[in-house]
PDB file of N, CA and C in Angstrom:
ATOM      1  N   UNK A   1      51.511  44.033 -30.436  1.00  0.00           N
ATOM      2  CA  UNK A   1      49.718  43.406 -29.655  1.00  0.00           C
ATOM      3  C   UNK A   1      50.497  42.311 -29.207  1.00  0.00           C
ATOM      4  N   UNK A   2      51.125  41.025 -30.284  1.00  0.00           N
ATOM      5  CA  UNK A   2      51.281  40.161 -29.848  1.00  0.00           C
ATOM      6  C   UNK A   2      51.964  39.868 -27.529  1.00  0.00           C
ATOM      7  N   UNK A   3      53.047  40.855 -27.869  1.00  0.00           N
ATOM      8  CA  UNK A   3      53.746  40.834 -26.600  1.00  0.00           C
ATOM      9  C   UNK A   3      52.632  41.513 -25.690  1.00  0.00           C
ATOM     10  N   UNK A   4      51.886  42.067 -25.933  1.00  0.00           N
ATOM     11  CA  UNK A   4      50.461  42.433 -24.783  1.00  0.00           C
ATOM     12  C   UNK A   4      50.001  41.637 -24.485  1.00  0.00           C
ATOM     13  N   UNK A   5      49.113  40.606 -25.631  1.00  0.00           N
ATOM     14  CA  UNK A   5      49.327  39.467 -24.811  1.00  0.00           C
ATOM     15  C   UNK A   5      49.016  38.397 -24.190  1.00  0.00           C
ATOM     16  N   UNK A   6      50.702  38.685 -24.729  1.00  0.00           N
ATOM     17  CA  UNK A   6      51.767  37.368 -23.691  1.00  0.00           C
ATOM     18  C   UNK A   6      52.019  37.210 -22.684  1.00  0.00           C
ATOM     19  N   UNK A   7      52.741  38.877 -22.319  1.00  0.00           N
ATOM     20  CA  UNK A   7      52.391  39.487 -21.071  1.00  0.00           C
ATOM     21  C   UNK A   7      51.141  39.382 -20.442  1.00  0.00           C
ATOM     22  N   UNK A   8      50.015  39.695 -21.347  1.00  0.00           N
ATOM     23  CA  UNK A   8      49.383  39.582 -20.132  1.00  0.00           C
ATOM     24  C   UNK A   8      48.812  38.372 -19.348  1.00  0.00           C
ATOM     25  N   UNK A   9      48.582  37.989 -20.168  1.00  0.00           N
ATOM     26  CA  UNK A   9      48.349  36.426 -19.713  1.00  0.00           C
ATOM     27  C   UNK A   9      49.665  35.619 -19.268  1.00  0.00           C
ATOM     28  N   UNK A  10      50.857  35.778 -19.065  1.00  0.00           N
ATOM     29  CA  UNK A  10      51.685  35.001 -17.742  1.00  0.00           C
ATOM     30  C   UNK A  10      51.211  35.946 -16.833  1.00  0.00           C
ATOM     31  N   UNK A  11      51.273  37.268 -16.732  1.00  0.00           N
ATOM     32  CA  UNK A  11      50.978  38.462 -15.896  1.00  0.00           C
ATOM     33  C   UNK A  11      49.735  37.662 -15.074  1.00  0.00           C
ATOM     34  N   UNK A  12      48.832  37.317 -15.719  1.00  0.00           N
ATOM     35  CA  UNK A  12      47.797  36.707 -15.173  1.00  0.00           C
ATOM     36  C   UNK A  12      47.691  35.277 -14.411  1.00  0.00           C
ATOM     37  N   UNK A  13      48.962  34.505 -15.049  1.00  0.00           N
ATOM     38  CA  UNK A  13      48.943  33.584 -14.482  1.00  0.00           C
ATOM     39  C   UNK A  13      49.874  33.670 -13.200  1.00  0.00           C
ATOM     40  N   UNK A  14      51.100  34.417 -13.449  1.00  0.00           N
ATOM     41  CA  UNK A  14      51.540  34.589 -12.149  1.00  0.00           C
ATOM     42  C   UNK A  14      50.683  34.801 -11.040  1.00  0.00           C
ATOM     43  N   UNK A  15      50.117  35.952 -11.084  1.00  0.00           N
ATOM     44  CA  UNK A  15      48.314  36.087 -10.286  1.00  0.00           C
ATOM     45  C   UNK A  15      47.900  35.349  -9.457  1.00  0.00           C
ATOM     46  N   UNK A  16      47.327  34.721 -10.903  1.00  0.00           N
ATOM     47  CA  UNK A  16      46.267  33.198 -10.147  1.00  0.00           C
ATOM     48  C   UNK A  16      47.440  32.862  -8.904  1.00  0.00           C
ATOM     49  N   UNK A  17      48.848  31.838 -10.005  1.00  0.00           N
ATOM     50  CA  UNK A  17      49.576  30.990  -8.935  1.00  0.00           C
ATOM     51  C   UNK A  17      49.873  31.693  -7.810  1.00  0.00           C
ATOM     52  N   UNK A  18      50.475  32.820  -7.842  1.00  0.00           N
ATOM     53  CA  UNK A  18      50.523  33.289  -5.804  1.00  0.00           C
ATOM     54  C   UNK A  18      49.413  32.785  -5.553  1.00  0.00           C
ATOM     55  N   UNK A  19      47.793  33.395  -5.056  1.00  0.00           N
ATOM     56  CA  UNK A  19      47.015  33.486  -4.949  1.00  0.00           C
ATOM     57  C   UNK A  19      46.549  31.477  -4.567  1.00  0.00           C
ATOM     58  N   UNK A  20      46.843  31.342  -5.549  1.00  0.00           N
ATOM     59  CA  UNK A  20      46.248  29.867  -5.017  1.00  0.00           C
ATOM     60  C   UNK A  20      47.365  28.689  -4.201  1.00  0.00           C
ATOM     61  N   UNK A  21      48.755  29.031  -4.724  1.00  0.00           N
ATOM     62  CA  UNK A  21      49.761  28.873  -3.169  1.00  0.00           C
ATOM     63  C   UNK A  21      49.245  29.132  -2.139  1.00  0.00           C
ATOM     64  N   UNK A  22      49.448  30.770  -1.662  1.00  0.00           N
ATOM     65  CA  UNK A  22      48.718  30.861  -0.435  1.00  0.00           C
ATOM     66  C   UNK A  22      47.597  30.345   0.093  1.00  0.00           C
ATOM     67  N   UNK A  23      46.190  29.923  -0.942  1.00  0.00           N
ATOM     68  CA  UNK A  23      45.916  29.064  -0.899  1.00  0.00           C
ATOM     69  C   UNK A  23      46.058  28.081   0.178  1.00  0.00           C
ATOM     70  N   UNK A  24      46.923  27.403  -0.849  1.00  0.00           N
ATOM     71  CA  UNK A  24      47.439  26.340  -0.815  1.00  0.00           C
ATOM     72  C   UNK A  24      47.974  25.571   0.921  1.00  0.00           C
ATOM     73  N   UNK A  25      48.797  26.722   1.049  1.00  0.00           N
ATOM     74  CA  UNK A  25      49.351  27.639   2.064  1.00  0.00           C
ATOM     75  C   UNK A  25      48.074  26.868   3.483  1.00  0.00           C
ATOM     76  N   UNK A  26      47.054  27.741   3.442  1.00  0.00           N
ATOM     77  CA  UNK A  26      46.012  27.555   3.915  1.00  0.00           C
ATOM     78  C   UNK A  26      45.889  26.790   5.043  1.00  0.00           C
ATOM     79  N   UNK A  27      45.453  25.945   3.183  1.00  0.00           N
ATOM     80  CA  UNK A  27      44.858  24.303   3.623  1.00  0.00           C
ATOM     81  C   UNK A  27      45.506  23.541   3.621  1.00  0.00           C
ATOM     82  N   UNK A  28      47.260  23.118   3.380  1.00  0.00           N
ATOM     83  CA  UNK A  28      47.598  22.412   4.365  1.00  0.00           C
ATOM     84  C   UNK A  28      48.048  22.823   5.944  1.00  0.00           C
ATOM     85  N   UNK A  29      47.540  24.357   5.934  1.00  0.00           N
ATOM     86  CA  UNK A  29      48.023  24.896   7.548  1.00  0.00           C
ATOM     87  C   UNK A  29      46.961  24.579   8.468  1.00  0.00           C
ATOM     88  N   UNK A  30      45.602  23.830   7.424  1.00  0.00           N
ATOM     89  CA  UNK A  30      44.242  23.678   8.261  1.00  0.00           C
ATOM     90  C   UNK A  30      44.315  22.773   8.363  1.00  0.00           C
ATOM     91  N   UNK A  31      44.516  21.381   7.477  1.00  0.00           N
ATOM     92  CA  UNK A  31      44.600  20.032   7.866  1.00  0.00           C
ATOM     93  C   UNK A  31      45.001  19.993   8.454  1.00  0.00           C
ATOM     94  N   UNK A  32      46.634  20.307   9.555  1.00  0.00           N
ATOM     95  CA  UNK A  32      47.900  20.042   9.713  1.00  0.00           C
ATOM     96  C   UNK A  32      47.300  20.789  11.429  1.00  0.00           C
ATOM     97  N   UNK A  33      46.381  21.523  11.462  1.00  0.00           N
ATOM     98  CA  UNK A  33      45.788  22.035  12.705  1.00  0.00           C
ATOM     99  C   UNK A  33      44.693  21.190  13.820  1.00  0.00           C
ATOM    100  N   UNK A  34      44.106  20.359  12.459  1.00  0.00           N
ATOM    101  CA  UNK A  34      42.655  19.801  12.187  1.00  0.00           C
ATOM    102  C   UNK A  34      43.639  18.452  12.934  1.00  0.00           C
ATOM    103  N   UNK A  35      44.456  18.602  12.822  1.00  0.00           N
ATOM    104  CA  UNK A  35      45.590  16.974  13.118  1.00  0.00           C
ATOM    105  C   UNK A  35      45.834  16.953  14.750  1.00  0.00           C
ATOM    106  N   UNK A  36      46.349  18.475  14.731  1.00  0.00           N
ATOM    107  CA  UNK A  36      47.165  18.180  15.832  1.00  0.00           C
ATOM    108  C   UNK A  36      45.753  18.116  16.802  1.00  0.00           C
ATOM    109  N   UNK A  37      44.748  19.117  16.913  1.00  0.00           N
ATOM    110  CA  UNK A  37      43.803  18.866  17.569  1.00  0.00           C
ATOM    111  C   UNK A  37      43.038  17.725  17.640  1.00  0.00           C
ATOM    112  N   UNK A  38      42.933  16.941  17.139  1.00  0.00           N
ATOM    113  CA  UNK A  38      41.737  16.253  16.561  1.00  0.00           C
ATOM    114  C   UNK A  38      42.296  14.445  17.165  1.00  0.00           C
ATOM    115  N   UNK A  39      43.975  14.136  16.645  1.00  0.00           N
ATOM    116  CA  UNK A  39      44.483  12.793  16.797  1.00  0.00           C
ATOM    117  C   UNK A  39      45.873  13.514  18.148  1.00  0.00           C
ATOM    118  N   UNK A  40      45.961  15.036  18.358  1.00  0.00           N
ATOM    119  CA  UNK A  40      46.570  14.780  19.466  1.00  0.00           C
ATOM    120  C   UNK A  40      47.916  14.365  18.681  1.00  0.00           C
ATOM    121  N   UNK A  41      48.135  15.326  18.087  1.00  0.00           N
ATOM    122  CA  UNK A  41      49.443  14.831  16.527  1.00  0.00           C
ATOM    123  C   UNK A  41      50.771  15.889  17.601  1.00  0.00           C
ATOM    124  N   UNK A  42      52.311  15.622  17.654  1.00  0.00           N
ATOM    125  CA  UNK A  42      53.553  15.918  18.852  1.00  0.00           C
ATOM    126  C   UNK A  42      53.585  17.706  17.481  1.00  0.00           C
ATOM    127  N   UNK A  43      52.777  18.102  15.909  1.00  0.00           N
ATOM    128  CA  UNK A  43      53.472  18.717  15.463  1.00  0.00           C
ATOM    129  C   UNK A  43      52.882  19.731  16.664  1.00  0.00           C
ATOM    130  N   UNK A  44      54.209  21.067  16.464  1.00  0.00           N
ATOM    131  CA  UNK A  44      53.949  22.265  17.206  1.00  0.00           C
ATOM    132  C   UNK A  44      53.000  23.145  16.304  1.00  0.00           C
ATOM    133  N   UNK A  45      52.465  24.315  17.122  1.00  0.00           N
ATOM    134  CA  UNK A  45      51.971  24.938  15.975  1.00  0.00           C
ATOM    135  C   UNK A  45      52.978  26.444  15.451  1.00  0.00           C
ATOM    136  N   UNK A  46      53.827  26.368  15.397  1.00  0.00           N
ATOM    137  CA  UNK A  46      55.111  26.592  14.954  1.00  0.00           C
ATOM    138  C   UNK A  46      56.201  26.614  13.730  1.00  0.00           C
ATOM    139  N   UNK A  47      55.693  24.487  13.716  1.00  0.00           N
ATOM    140  CA  UNK A  47      55.964  24.102  12.524  1.00  0.00           C
ATOM    141  C   UNK A  47      54.929  24.078  11.467  1.00  0.00           C
ATOM    142  N   UNK A  48      53.850  23.990  12.386  1.00  0.00           N
ATOM    143  CA  UNK A  48      52.494  24.899  10.925  1.00  0.00           C
ATOM    144  C   UNK A  48      52.247  26.200  10.600  1.00  0.00           C
ATOM    145  N   UNK A  49      53.149  27.591  11.246  1.00  0.00           N
ATOM    146  CA  UNK A  49      53.056  28.834  11.522  1.00  0.00           C
ATOM    147  C   UNK A  49      53.978  29.117   9.979  1.00  0.00           C
ATOM    148  N   UNK A  50      55.237  28.518  10.765  1.00  0.00           N
ATOM    149  CA  UNK A  50      56.425  28.002   9.539  1.00  0.00           C
ATOM    150  C   UNK A  50      55.834  27.272   7.941  1.00  0.00           C
ATOM    151  N   UNK A  51      55.559  26.355   7.924  1.00  0.00           N
ATOM    152  CA  UNK A  51      54.491  25.761   6.793  1.00  0.00           C
ATOM    153  C   UNK A  51      53.985  27.253   5.721  1.00  0.00           C
ATOM    154  N   UNK A  52      53.004  27.654   6.422  1.00  0.00           N
ATOM    155  CA  UNK A  52      52.307  28.584   5.873  1.00  0.00           C
ATOM    156  C   UNK A  52      52.711  29.610   5.586  1.00  0.00           C
ATOM    157  N   UNK A  53      53.515  30.087   7.052  1.00  0.00           N
ATOM    158  CA  UNK A  53      54.546  31.352   6.553  1.00  0.00           C
ATOM    159  C   UNK A  53      55.335  31.220   4.893  1.00  0.00           C
ATOM    160  N   UNK A  54      56.385  30.182   5.182  1.00  0.00           N
ATOM    161  CA  UNK A  54      56.737  29.613   3.517  1.00  0.00           C
ATOM    162  C   UNK A  54      56.227  29.898   2.702  1.00  0.00           C
ATOM    163  N   UNK A  55      54.215  29.499   2.125  1.00  0.00           N
ATOM    164  CA  UNK A  55      53.504  29.133   2.076  1.00  0.00           C
ATOM    165  C   UNK A  55      53.404  30.940   1.332  1.00  0.00           C
ATOM    166  N   UNK A  56      53.534  32.033   2.337  1.00  0.00           N
ATOM    167  CA  UNK A  56      52.645  33.372   1.485  1.00  0.00           C
ATOM    168  C   UNK A  56      54.020  33.940   1.369  1.00  0.00           C
ATOM    169  N   UNK A  57      55.200  33.285   1.718  1.00  0.00           N
ATOM    170  CA  UNK A  57      56.407  34.516   1.260  1.00  0.00           C
ATOM    171  C   UNK A  57      56.109  34.472  -0.638  1.00  0.00           C
ATOM    172  N   UNK A  58      56.399  32.984  -0.567  1.00  0.00           N
ATOM    173  CA  UNK A  58      55.769  32.526  -1.767  1.00  0.00           C
ATOM    174  C   UNK A  58      55.455  32.704  -2.436  1.00  0.00           C
ATOM    175  N   UNK A  59      53.954  33.088  -2.465  1.00  0.00           N
ATOM    176  CA  UNK A  59      52.946  33.833  -3.344  1.00  0.00           C
ATOM    177  C   UNK A  59      53.054  35.261  -3.114  1.00  0.00           C
ATOM    178  N   UNK A  60      53.423  35.847  -2.359  1.00  0.00           N
ATOM    179  CA  UNK A  60      54.159  37.445  -2.612  1.00  0.00           C
ATOM    180  C   UNK A  60      55.126  37.920  -3.695  1.00  0.00           C
ATOM    181  N   UNK A  61      55.696  37.176  -3.599  1.00  0.00           N
ATOM    182  CA  UNK A  61      56.942  36.889  -4.761  1.00  0.00           C
ATOM    183  C   UNK A  61      56.687  36.319  -6.024  1.00  0.00           C
ATOM    184  N   UNK A  62      55.482  35.870  -5.873  1.00  0.00           N
ATOM    185  CA  UNK A  62      54.540  35.717  -7.850  1.00  0.00           C
ATOM    186  C   UNK A  62      53.461  36.658  -7.912  1.00  0.00           C
ATOM    187  N   UNK A  63      53.378  37.749  -6.783  1.00  0.00           N
ATOM    188  CA  UNK A  63      52.633  38.904  -6.972  1.00  0.00           C
ATOM    189  C   UNK A  63      52.931  39.925  -7.494  1.00  0.00           C
ATOM    190  N   UNK A  64      54.344  40.020  -6.608  1.00  0.00           N
ATOM    191  CA  UNK A  64      55.253  41.597  -7.231  1.00  0.00           C
ATOM    192  C   UNK A  64      55.867  41.059  -8.779  1.00  0.00           C
ATOM    193  N   UNK A  65      56.356  39.416  -8.831  1.00  0.00           N
ATOM    194  CA  UNK A  65      56.285  39.111 -10.667  1.00  0.00           C
ATOM    195  C   UNK A  65      55.601  39.712 -11.393  1.00  0.00           C
ATOM    196  N   UNK A  66      54.128  39.508 -11.225  1.00  0.00           N
ATOM    197  CA  UNK A  66      53.612  39.799 -11.619  1.00  0.00           C
ATOM    198  C   UNK A  66      52.783  41.734 -12.190  1.00  0.00           C
ATOM    199  N   UNK A  67      52.834  42.026 -10.429  1.00  0.00           N
ATOM    200  CA  UNK A  67      52.508  43.905 -10.797  1.00  0.00           C
ATOM    201  C   UNK A  67      53.668  44.341 -11.798  1.00  0.00           C
ATOM    202  N   UNK A  68      54.847  43.977 -11.839  1.00  0.00           N
ATOM    203  CA  UNK A  68      56.030  44.364 -12.641  1.00  0.00           C
ATOM    204  C   UNK A  68      56.039  44.080 -14.153  1.00  0.00           C
ATOM    205  N   UNK A  69      55.298  42.670 -14.499  1.00  0.00           N
ATOM    206  CA  UNK A  69      54.651  42.721 -15.578  1.00  0.00           C
ATOM    207  C   UNK A  69      53.588  43.335 -16.517  1.00  0.00           C
ATOM    208  N   UNK A  70      52.538  43.379 -15.335  1.00  0.00           N
ATOM    209  CA  UNK A  70      51.383  44.584 -15.099  1.00  0.00           C
ATOM    210  C   UNK A  70      52.068  46.399 -15.847  1.00  0.00           C
ATOM    211  N   UNK A  71      52.740  46.235 -14.929  1.00  0.00           N
ATOM    212  CA  UNK A  71      53.197  47.922 -15.015  1.00  0.00           C
ATOM    213  C   UNK A  71      54.281  47.897 -16.921  1.00  0.00           C
ATOM    214  N   UNK A  72      54.603  47.179 -17.030  1.00  0.00           N
ATOM    215  CA  UNK A  72      54.968  46.355 -18.478  1.00  0.00           C
ATOM    216  C   UNK A  72      54.675  46.675 -19.204  1.00  0.00           C
ATOM    217  N   UNK A  73      53.086  46.947 -19.528  1.00  0.00           N
ATOM    218  CA  UNK A  73      52.421  46.742 -20.220  1.00  0.00           C
ATOM    219  C   UNK A  73      51.512  48.638 -20.439  1.00  0.00           C
ATOM    220  N   UNK A  74      51.732  49.055 -18.911  1.00  0.00           N
ATOM    221  CA  UNK A  74      51.361  50.109 -19.600  1.00  0.00           C
ATOM    222  C   UNK A  74      51.901  51.289 -18.442  1.00  0.00           C
ATOM    223  N   UNK A  75      53.263  51.119 -18.763  1.00  0.00           N
ATOM    224  CA  UNK A  75      54.550  52.446 -17.602  1.00  0.00           C
ATOM    225  C   UNK A  75      53.985  53.593 -17.631  1.00  0.00           C
ATOM    226  N   UNK A  76      52.820  54.300 -17.070  1.00  0.00           N
ATOM    227  CA  UNK A  76      52.752  55.164 -16.961  1.00  0.00           C
ATOM    228  C   UNK A  76      52.954  55.884 -15.640  1.00  0.00           C
ATOM    229  N   UNK A  77      53.456  56.861 -14.917  1.00  0.00           N
ATOM    230  CA  UNK A  77      54.484  57.785 -14.506  1.00  0.00           C
ATOM    231  C   UNK A  77      53.371  57.278 -13.400  1.00  0.00           C
ATOM    232  N   UNK A  78      51.693  57.299 -12.920  1.00  0.00           N
ATOM    233  CA  UNK A  78      51.326  56.894 -11.765  1.00  0.00           C
ATOM    234  C   UNK A  78      51.013  55.098 -11.494  1.00  0.00           C
ATOM    235  N   UNK A  79      50.832  54.506 -12.564  1.00  0.00           N
ATOM    236  CA  UNK A  79      51.488  53.015 -12.703  1.00  0.00           C
ATOM    237  C   UNK A  79      52.203  52.818 -11.905  1.00  0.00           C
ATOM    238  N   UNK A  80      53.599  53.527 -12.358  1.00  0.00           N
ATOM    239  CA  UNK A  80      54.916  53.078 -11.217  1.00  0.00           C
ATOM    240  C   UNK A  80      54.885  53.229  -9.944  1.00  0.00           C
ATOM    241  N   UNK A  81      54.031  54.539  -9.540  1.00  0.00           N
ATOM    242  CA  UNK A  81      53.973  55.537  -8.298  1.00  0.00           C
ATOM    243  C   UNK A  81      53.861  53.649  -7.931  1.00  0.00           C
ATOM    244  N   UNK A  82      52.150  53.163  -7.872  1.00  0.00           N
ATOM    245  CA  UNK A  82      51.470  52.450  -7.282  1.00  0.00           C
ATOM    246  C   UNK A  82      52.325  51.402  -7.431  1.00  0.00           C
ATOM    247  N   UNK A  83      53.057  50.733  -8.543  1.00  0.00           N
ATOM    248  CA  UNK A  83      53.910  49.685  -8.013  1.00  0.00           C
ATOM    249  C   UNK A  83      54.726  49.710  -7.168  1.00  0.00           C
ATOM    250  N   UNK A  84      55.347  50.946  -6.880  1.00  0.00           N
ATOM    251  CA  UNK A  84      56.767  50.682  -6.376  1.00  0.00           C
ATOM    252  C   UNK A  84      56.075  51.055  -4.659  1.00  0.00           C
ATOM    253  N   UNK A  85      54.552  51.225  -4.806  1.00  0.00           N
ATOM    254  CA  UNK A  85      53.963  50.990  -3.381  1.00  0.00           C
ATOM    255  C   UNK A  85      54.038  49.465  -3.081  1.00  0.00           C
ATOM    256  N   UNK A  86      53.875  49.249  -3.897  1.00  0.00           N
ATOM    257  CA  UNK A  86      53.099  47.571  -3.757  1.00  0.00           C
ATOM    258  C   UNK A  86      53.929  47.171  -3.459  1.00  0.00           C
ATOM    259  N   UNK A  87      55.367  46.674  -3.794  1.00  0.00           N
ATOM    260  CA  UNK A  87      56.279  46.401  -4.224  1.00  0.00           C
ATOM    261  C   UNK A  87      57.297  46.543  -2.871  1.00  0.00           C
ATOM    262  N   UNK A  88      56.601  48.037  -2.274  1.00  0.00           N
ATOM    263  CA  UNK A  88      57.663  48.483  -1.087  1.00  0.00           C
ATOM    264  C   UNK A  88      56.647  47.363   0.210  1.00  0.00           C
ATOM    265  N   UNK A  89      55.860  47.973  -0.334  1.00  0.00           N
ATOM    266  CA  UNK A  89      54.543  47.071   1.208  1.00  0.00           C
ATOM    267  C   UNK A  89      54.684  45.375   1.245  1.00  0.00           C
ATOM    268  N   UNK A  90      55.066  44.950  -0.121  1.00  0.00           N
ATOM    269  CA  UNK A  90      55.429  43.395  -0.136  1.00  0.00           C
ATOM    270  C   UNK A  90      56.286  43.019   0.421  1.00  0.00           C
ATOM    271  N   UNK A  91      57.455  44.110   0.080  1.00  0.00           N
ATOM    272  CA  UNK A  91      58.934  43.572   0.694  1.00  0.00           C
ATOM    273  C   UNK A  91      58.489  44.407   2.156  1.00  0.00           C
ATOM    274  N   UNK A  92      58.327  44.511   2.554  1.00  0.00           N
ATOM    275  CA  UNK A  92      58.416  44.814   4.597  1.00  0.00           C
ATOM    276  C   UNK A  92      58.080  43.608   4.906  1.00  0.00           C
ATOM    277  N   UNK A  93      56.702  43.620   4.337  1.00  0.00           N
ATOM    278  CA  UNK A  93      55.607  42.312   4.292  1.00  0.00           C
ATOM    279  C   UNK A  93      56.781  41.018   4.675  1.00  0.00           C
ATOM    280  N   UNK A  94      57.525  40.615   3.514  1.00  0.00           N
ATOM    281  CA  UNK A  94      57.519  39.068   3.156  1.00  0.00           C
ATOM    282  C   UNK A  94      59.287  39.198   4.522  1.00  0.00           C
ATOM    283  N   UNK A  95      59.851  40.772   4.623  1.00  0.00           N
ATOM    284  CA  UNK A  95      61.144  40.490   5.674  1.00  0.00           C
ATOM    285  C   UNK A  95      60.457  40.514   6.887  1.00  0.00           C
ATOM    286  N   UNK A  96      58.957  41.421   6.900  1.00  0.00           N
ATOM    287  CA  UNK A  96      59.044  40.543   8.600  1.00  0.00           C
ATOM    288  C   UNK A  96      58.557  38.921   8.275  1.00  0.00           C
ATOM    289  N   UNK A  97      57.978  38.567   7.501  1.00  0.00           N
ATOM    290  CA  UNK A  97      57.404  37.247   7.757  1.00  0.00           C
ATOM    291  C   UNK A  97      59.191  35.913   7.431  1.00  0.00           C
ATOM    292  N   UNK A  98      59.877  36.635   6.994  1.00  0.00           N
ATOM    293  CA  UNK A  98      61.655  36.242   6.720  1.00  0.00           C
ATOM    294  C   UNK A  98      61.820  36.098   8.369  1.00  0.00           C
ATOM    295  N   UNK A  99      62.071  37.309   8.793  1.00  0.00           N
ATOM    296  CA  UNK A  99      62.953  37.229   9.620  1.00  0.00           C
ATOM    297  C   UNK A  99      61.982  36.374  10.879  1.00  0.00           C
ATOM    298  N   UNK A 100      60.611  35.778  11.265  1.00  0.00           N
ATOM    299  CA  UNK A 100      59.622  35.016  11.712  1.00  0.00           C
ATOM    300  C   UNK A 100      60.115  33.755  11.899  1.00  0.00           C
ATOM    301  N   UNK A 101      60.251  33.474  10.879  1.00  0.00           N
ATOM    302  CA  UNK A 101      60.741  31.906  10.199  1.00  0.00           C
ATOM    303  C   UNK A 101      62.033  31.594  10.243  1.00  0.00           C
ATOM    304  N   UNK A 102      63.381  32.507   9.834  1.00  0.00           N
ATOM    305  CA  UNK A 102      64.010  32.751  10.593  1.00  0.00           C
ATOM    306  C   UNK A 102      64.432  32.229  12.642  1.00  0.00           C
ATOM    307  N   UNK A 103      63.842  32.649  13.137  1.00  0.00           N
ATOM    308  CA  UNK A 103      63.612  32.956  14.282  1.00  0.00           C
ATOM    309  C   UNK A 103      63.357  31.524  14.962  1.00  0.00           C
ATOM    310  N   UNK A 104      62.701  30.326  13.848  1.00  0.00           N
ATOM    311  CA  UNK A 104      62.017  29.338  14.332  1.00  0.00           C
ATOM    312  C   UNK A 104      63.605  27.938  14.848  1.00  0.00           C
ATOM    313  N   UNK A 105      63.648  27.708  15.401  1.00  0.00           N
ATOM    314  CA  UNK A 105      64.686  26.304  15.440  1.00  0.00           C
ATOM    315  C   UNK A 105      64.969  25.636  14.173  1.00  0.00           C
ATOM    316  N   UNK A 106      66.299  25.658  13.658  1.00  0.00           N
ATOM    317  CA  UNK A 106      66.335  24.514  13.015  1.00  0.00           C
ATOM    318  C   UNK A 106      65.763  23.187  12.533  1.00  0.00           C
ATOM    319  N   UNK A 107      65.215  22.439  13.956  1.00  0.00           N
ATOM    320  CA  UNK A 107      64.354  21.225  13.659  1.00  0.00           C
ATOM    321  C   UNK A 107      63.178  21.697  12.980  1.00  0.00           C
ATOM    322  N   UNK A 108      62.925  22.774  13.027  1.00  0.00           N
ATOM    323  CA  UNK A 108      61.796  22.620  12.879  1.00  0.00           C
ATOM    324  C   UNK A 108      61.574  23.310  11.282  1.00  0.00           C
ATOM    325  N   UNK A 109      62.761  23.505  10.922  1.00  0.00           N
ATOM    326  CA  UNK A 109      62.781  24.021   9.688  1.00  0.00           C
ATOM    327  C   UNK A 109      62.501  22.559   8.631  1.00  0.00           C
ATOM    328  N   UNK A 110      62.359  21.439   9.182  1.00  0.00           N
ATOM    329  CA  UNK A 110      62.777  20.158   7.755  1.00  0.00           C
ATOM    330  C   UNK A 110      62.091  20.014   8.042  1.00  0.00           C
TER     331      UNK A 110
END
């Protein structure tokens, strides 16, 4: 009972943190876009995309960790299939986002 409560709380915290991290990245990207448009900053769209993409990747990792913990609480066969599907989809999304980040020039990754 205590273990279920602890794991459930950690799972919820990881999910919330992942969502907040993605929202945080979106806010940063929006602010940078507005700065670029209003003040004609030299920040390029690639820089802004890199900042947002890296935040999405980190958020997705927290979501995967939360899903794994959720499955620990109720490991039915159907839950394992759902977890496998979610992890596979998020892994594919993470892979392509990582490829996009790697394609940016090194000076933009700083």
